[in-house]
Amino acid sequence: MVQLTLYTTEMGDHEQDGEAIELAFSKKKIEARKNWLRQFEPGTYLDQKEKVIKYSDFVNKELILFSMADLQRSIPSMVDGLKPGITWCLESASRSKSMEQHLLWLRTRL
């Protein structure tokens, strides 16, 4: 309860936190989010030793890492039109003999 009281008494100090959360999740801030992702600098990380982390620091240093990884997983390759996860599944399945057995089983059922 003490932390909530401190947070609400210092509400002006936390304005950036609200803006950062809105930037990350609001449907109205799509263009701003695109610019936020374009300005991403690899190697920017949150200091894990800190006991208190601002929401804006979390959004701009940790959540952006998730957003970039999610973006890379979501966009199909220009080479084959497949997303990285599907490509990985197909490659690993084609390496196994069980895939050949499964295809043979499917052919006999059709």
C-alpha atoms as a PDB file:
ATOM      1  CA  MET A   1       0.000   0.000   0.000  1.00  0.00           C
ATOM      2  CA  VAL A   2       2.905   2.315   0.732  1.00  0.00           C
ATOM      3  CA  GLN A   3       4.261   1.833  -2.792  1.00  0.00           C
ATOM      4  CA  LEU A   4       0.879   2.705  -4.302  1.00  0.00           C
ATOM      5  CA  THR A   5       0.723   5.864  -2.214  1.00  0.00           C
ATOM      6  CA  LEU A   6       4.216   6.855  -3.309  1.00  0.00           C
ATOM      7  CA  TYR A   7       3.376   6.130  -6.937  1.00  0.00           C
ATOM      8  CA  THR A   8       0.198   8.216  -6.889  1.00  0.00           C
ATOM      9  CA  THR A   9       1.831  11.148  -5.077  1.00  0.00           C
ATOM     10  CA  GLU A  10       4.568  11.253  -7.700  1.00  0.00           C
ATOM     11  CA  MET A  11       2.184  10.841 -10.642  1.00  0.00           C
ATOM     12  CA  GLY A  12       3.903  13.531 -12.699  1.00  0.00           C
ATOM     13  CA  ASP A  13       7.147  11.571 -12.570  1.00  0.00           C
ATOM     14  CA  HIS A  14       5.425   8.547 -14.113  1.00  0.00           C
ATOM     15  CA  GLU A  15       3.916  10.259 -17.152  1.00  0.00           C
ATOM     16  CA  GLN A  16       6.548   8.711 -19.422  1.00  0.00           C
ATOM     17  CA  ASP A  17       5.602   5.275 -18.112  1.00  0.00           C
ATOM     18  CA  GLY A  18       2.015   5.653 -19.296  1.00  0.00           C
ATOM     19  CA  GLU A  19       3.145   6.959 -22.665  1.00  0.00           C
ATOM     20  CA  ALA A  20       5.527   4.016 -23.099  1.00  0.00           C
ATOM     21  CA  ILE A  21       2.823   1.476 -22.265  1.00  0.00           C
ATOM     22  CA  GLU A  22       0.403   3.216 -24.615  1.00  0.00           C
ATOM     23  CA  LEU A  23       3.032   3.202 -27.364  1.00  0.00           C
ATOM     24  CA  ALA A  24       3.605  -0.523 -26.942  1.00  0.00           C
ATOM     25  CA  PHE A  25      -0.026  -1.665 -26.795  1.00  0.00           C
ATOM     26  CA  SER A  26      -2.421   0.971 -28.168  1.00  0.00           C
ATOM     27  CA  LYS A  27      -4.120   0.293 -31.487  1.00  0.00           C
ATOM     28  CA  LYS A  28      -4.102   4.048 -32.106  1.00  0.00           C
ATOM     29  CA  LYS A  29      -0.297   4.262 -31.997  1.00  0.00           C
ATOM     30  CA  ILE A  30       0.569   1.922 -34.880  1.00  0.00           C
ATOM     31  CA  GLU A  31       2.692   4.445 -36.799  1.00  0.00           C
ATOM     32  CA  ALA A  32       4.513   5.547 -33.642  1.00  0.00           C
ATOM     33  CA  ARG A  33       5.184   1.887 -32.817  1.00  0.00           C
ATOM     34  CA  LYS A  34       6.669   1.348 -36.305  1.00  0.00           C
ATOM     35  CA  ASN A  35       9.029   4.280 -35.748  1.00  0.00           C
ATOM     36  CA  TRP A  36       9.852   2.942 -32.267  1.00  0.00           C
ATOM     37  CA  LEU A  37      10.850  -0.405 -33.800  1.00  0.00           C
ATOM     38  CA  ARG A  38      12.863   1.287 -36.569  1.00  0.00           C
ATOM     39  CA  GLN A  39      14.884   3.184 -33.956  1.00  0.00           C
ATOM     40  CA  PHE A  40      15.797  -0.018 -32.110  1.00  0.00           C
ATOM     41  CA  GLU A  41      19.503  -0.253 -31.361  1.00  0.00           C
ATOM     42  CA  PRO A  42      20.856  -3.785 -30.837  1.00  0.00           C
ATOM     43  CA  GLY A  43      22.802  -4.146 -27.624  1.00  0.00           C
ATOM     44  CA  THR A  44      20.438  -2.041 -25.512  1.00  0.00           C
ATOM     45  CA  TYR A  45      19.486  -4.097 -22.484  1.00  0.00           C
ATOM     46  CA  LEU A  46      17.890  -3.539 -19.119  1.00  0.00           C
ATOM     47  CA  ASP A  47      20.216  -3.707 -16.125  1.00  0.00           C
ATOM     48  CA  GLN A  48      19.068  -6.852 -14.325  1.00  0.00           C
ATOM     49  CA  LYS A  49      20.780  -5.804 -11.093  1.00  0.00           C
ATOM     50  CA  GLU A  50      18.404  -2.901 -10.476  1.00  0.00           C
ATOM     51  CA  LYS A  51      15.746  -3.564  -7.862  1.00  0.00           C
ATOM     52  CA  VAL A  52      13.325  -0.922  -9.159  1.00  0.00           C
ATOM     53  CA  ILE A  53      12.611  -0.660 -12.872  1.00  0.00           C
ATOM     54  CA  LYS A  54      10.561   2.060 -14.520  1.00  0.00           C
ATOM     55  CA  TYR A  55       7.844   0.898 -16.883  1.00  0.00           C
ATOM     56  CA  SER A  56       9.298   3.087 -19.622  1.00  0.00           C
ATOM     57  CA  ASP A  57      12.705   1.406 -19.219  1.00  0.00           C
ATOM     58  CA  PHE A  58      11.091  -2.024 -19.359  1.00  0.00           C
ATOM     59  CA  VAL A  59       9.124  -1.132 -22.498  1.00  0.00           C
ATOM     60  CA  ASN A  60      12.041   0.550 -24.278  1.00  0.00           C
ATOM     61  CA  LYS A  61      14.726  -1.979 -23.346  1.00  0.00           C
ATOM     62  CA  GLU A  62      13.046  -5.369 -22.823  1.00  0.00           C
ATOM     63  CA  LEU A  63       9.653  -5.322 -24.529  1.00  0.00           C
ATOM     64  CA  ILE A  64      11.236  -3.959 -27.687  1.00  0.00           C
ATOM     65  CA  LEU A  65      13.440  -7.083 -27.812  1.00  0.00           C
ATOM     66  CA  PHE A  66      10.320  -9.258 -27.732  1.00  0.00           C
ATOM     67  CA  SER A  67       8.649  -7.063 -30.353  1.00  0.00           C
ATOM     68  CA  MET A  68      11.628  -7.337 -32.705  1.00  0.00           C
ATOM     69  CA  ALA A  69      11.808 -11.120 -32.293  1.00  0.00           C
ATOM     70  CA  ASP A  70       8.054 -11.395 -32.823  1.00  0.00           C
ATOM     71  CA  LEU A  71       8.329  -9.278 -35.954  1.00  0.00           C
ATOM     72  CA  GLN A  72      11.068 -11.532 -37.341  1.00  0.00           C
ATOM     73  CA  ARG A  73       8.959 -14.634 -36.643  1.00  0.00           C
ATOM     74  CA  SER A  74       5.844 -13.106 -38.211  1.00  0.00           C
ATOM     75  CA  ILE A  75       7.188 -12.019 -41.592  1.00  0.00           C
ATOM     76  CA  PRO A  76       7.477 -14.676 -44.331  1.00  0.00           C
ATOM     77  CA  SER A  77      10.746 -15.048 -46.201  1.00  0.00           C
ATOM     78  CA  MET A  78      10.996 -13.529 -49.666  1.00  0.00           C
ATOM     79  CA  VAL A  79      12.822 -16.667 -50.831  1.00  0.00           C
ATOM     80  CA  ASP A  80      10.201 -19.321 -50.086  1.00  0.00           C
ATOM     81  CA  GLY A  81       7.245 -17.394 -48.635  1.00  0.00           C
ATOM     82  CA  LEU A  82       7.414 -19.308 -45.349  1.00  0.00           C
ATOM     83  CA  LYS A  83       7.814 -17.992 -41.827  1.00  0.00           C
ATOM     84  CA  PRO A  84      10.980 -19.089 -39.969  1.00  0.00           C
ATOM     85  CA  GLY A  85       9.097 -21.476 -37.652  1.00  0.00           C
ATOM     86  CA  ILE A  86       7.461 -23.329 -40.534  1.00  0.00           C
ATOM     87  CA  THR A  87      10.767 -23.488 -42.410  1.00  0.00           C
ATOM     88  CA  TRP A  88      12.445 -25.009 -39.343  1.00  0.00           C
ATOM     89  CA  CYS A  89       9.654 -27.595 -38.954  1.00  0.00           C
ATOM     90  CA  LEU A  90       9.814 -28.619 -42.605  1.00  0.00           C
ATOM     91  CA  GLU A  91      13.611 -28.879 -42.577  1.00  0.00           C
ATOM     92  CA  SER A  92      13.686 -31.009 -39.441  1.00  0.00           C
ATOM     93  CA  ALA A  93      10.836 -33.190 -40.696  1.00  0.00           C
ATOM     94  CA  SER A  94      12.542 -33.762 -44.042  1.00  0.00           C
ATOM     95  CA  ARG A  95      15.687 -34.948 -42.234  1.00  0.00           C
ATOM     96  CA  SER A  96      13.887 -37.645 -40.293  1.00  0.00           C
ATOM     97  CA  LYS A  97      12.939 -41.053 -41.647  1.00  0.00           C
ATOM     98  CA  SER A  98       9.647 -40.873 -39.819  1.00  0.00           C
ATOM     99  CA  MET A  99       8.562 -38.158 -42.270  1.00  0.00           C
ATOM    100  CA  GLU A 100       9.010 -40.592 -45.142  1.00  0.00           C
ATOM    101  CA  GLN A 101       7.040 -43.201 -43.218  1.00  0.00           C
ATOM    102  CA  HIS A 102       4.304 -40.677 -42.465  1.00  0.00           C
ATOM    103  CA  LEU A 103       4.024 -39.668 -46.129  1.00  0.00           C
ATOM    104  CA  LEU A 104       3.828 -43.326 -47.138  1.00  0.00           C
ATOM    105  CA  TRP A 105       1.071 -43.865 -44.565  1.00  0.00           C
ATOM    106  CA  LEU A 106      -0.826 -40.841 -45.912  1.00  0.00           C
ATOM    107  CA  ARG A 107      -0.578 -42.122 -49.490  1.00  0.00           C
ATOM    108  CA  THR A 108      -2.008 -45.500 -48.525  1.00  0.00           C
ATOM    109  CA  ARG A 109      -4.975 -43.816 -46.812  1.00  0.00           C
ATOM    110  CA  LEU A 110      -5.964 -41.666 -49.804  1.00  0.00           C
END
